[in-house]
Amino acid sequence: MRTSAADPRHHTRVPGYVRGARGTVVEAQGEHPLPDDRARGLPAAPQPVYTVRFPARELFGEGDHEVTVDVWERHLHHAGEEDPR
């Protein structure tokens, strides 16, 4: 999977260091309202949240460890697809 590379002007739960990075979904965390929408006062229907594992080298250019981040489905797409955002 790849995270969205979008850099919105409003609040987002996608940390800057994982935007546009490739990772592997390792666990589903259930469905939760998207904080991005709630912070702007928009309706926030629950959607799937996944724990995604990223090689540190993919994020920071070095490191042999892995980093996990919980990412809402709206901010994920298949690595071979164009970023819909």
Protein backbone atom coordinates (compact mmCIF):
# COMPACT_ATOMS: atom_id res chain seq x y z
CA MET A 1 0.00 0.00 0.00
CA ARG A 2 0.98 3.61 -0.38
CA THR A 3 -0.18 6.52 1.74
CA SER A 4 -1.60 9.64 0.17
CA ALA A 5 1.05 12.23 -0.63
CA ALA A 6 -1.46 15.07 -0.26
CA ASP A 7 -0.45 17.90 2.06
CA PRO A 8 -3.79 19.52 2.95
CA ARG A 9 -4.07 22.91 4.62
CA HIS A 10 -6.44 21.44 7.21
CA HIS A 11 -5.83 18.92 10.00
CA THR A 12 -4.84 15.42 8.90
CA ARG A 13 -3.96 12.27 10.82
CA VAL A 14 -1.33 11.27 8.25
CA PRO A 15 2.09 12.20 9.63
CA GLY A 16 4.24 14.09 7.15
CA TYR A 17 7.00 11.49 7.30
CA VAL A 18 4.72 8.74 5.88
CA ARG A 19 3.03 10.77 3.11
CA GLY A 20 3.59 9.04 -0.21
CA ALA A 21 5.48 6.15 1.42
CA ARG A 22 5.01 2.45 0.68
CA GLY A 23 4.10 0.16 3.53
CA THR A 24 2.39 -3.11 4.40
CA VAL A 25 -0.93 -3.41 6.19
CA VAL A 26 -0.32 -5.62 9.21
CA GLU A 27 -3.57 -5.33 11.16
CA ALA A 28 -7.10 -3.94 10.92
CA GLN A 29 -8.12 -1.68 13.82
CA GLY A 30 -11.86 -1.54 13.19
CA GLU A 31 -13.85 1.43 11.93
CA HIS A 32 -13.53 4.91 13.41
CA PRO A 33 -14.67 8.41 12.38
CA LEU A 34 -12.06 10.28 10.34
CA PRO A 35 -10.53 12.98 12.59
CA ASP A 36 -9.67 15.08 9.52
CA ASP A 37 -13.39 15.66 8.92
CA ARG A 38 -14.36 15.99 12.58
CA ALA A 39 -11.77 18.73 13.11
CA ARG A 40 -13.45 20.75 10.34
CA GLY A 41 -16.97 20.16 11.67
CA LEU A 42 -17.90 17.84 8.79
CA PRO A 43 -19.88 14.61 9.13
CA ALA A 44 -17.43 11.81 9.83
CA ALA A 45 -18.81 8.38 9.02
CA PRO A 46 -16.73 5.55 10.47
CA GLN A 47 -14.24 3.99 8.07
CA PRO A 48 -11.59 1.27 8.39
CA VAL A 49 -8.31 2.04 10.10
CA TYR A 50 -5.21 -0.08 9.46
CA THR A 51 -1.86 -0.44 11.13
CA VAL A 52 0.69 -0.03 8.35
CA ARG A 53 4.33 -1.06 8.71
CA PHE A 54 6.99 1.00 6.91
CA PRO A 55 10.70 0.24 6.59
CA ALA A 56 12.58 3.10 8.26
CA ARG A 57 14.75 3.32 5.14
CA GLU A 58 11.61 4.15 3.09
CA LEU A 59 10.73 6.98 5.47
CA PHE A 60 14.07 8.40 6.54
CA GLY A 61 16.62 7.12 3.99
CA GLU A 62 18.38 5.01 6.62
CA GLY A 63 17.74 2.60 9.47
CA ASP A 64 17.18 -1.13 9.67
CA HIS A 65 14.06 -0.97 11.85
CA GLU A 66 10.38 -0.64 11.01
CA VAL A 67 7.83 2.01 11.93
CA THR A 68 4.10 1.32 12.37
CA VAL A 69 1.41 3.97 11.94
CA ASP A 70 -2.39 3.72 12.10
CA VAL A 71 -3.81 5.08 8.83
CA TRP A 72 -7.44 5.62 7.83
CA GLU A 73 -8.50 3.84 4.64
CA ARG A 74 -9.22 7.20 2.95
CA HIS A 75 -5.48 7.91 3.01
CA LEU A 76 -4.38 4.59 1.48
CA HIS A 77 -4.22 3.29 -2.08
CA HIS A 78 -2.54 0.35 -3.79
CA ALA A 79 1.13 1.07 -4.49
CA GLY A 80 0.70 0.63 -8.26
CA GLU A 81 -2.25 3.04 -8.48
CA GLU A 82 -2.22 6.80 -8.84
CA ASP A 83 -2.86 8.78 -5.65
CA PRO A 84 -6.58 9.70 -5.79
CA ARG A 85 -6.03 12.78 -3.59
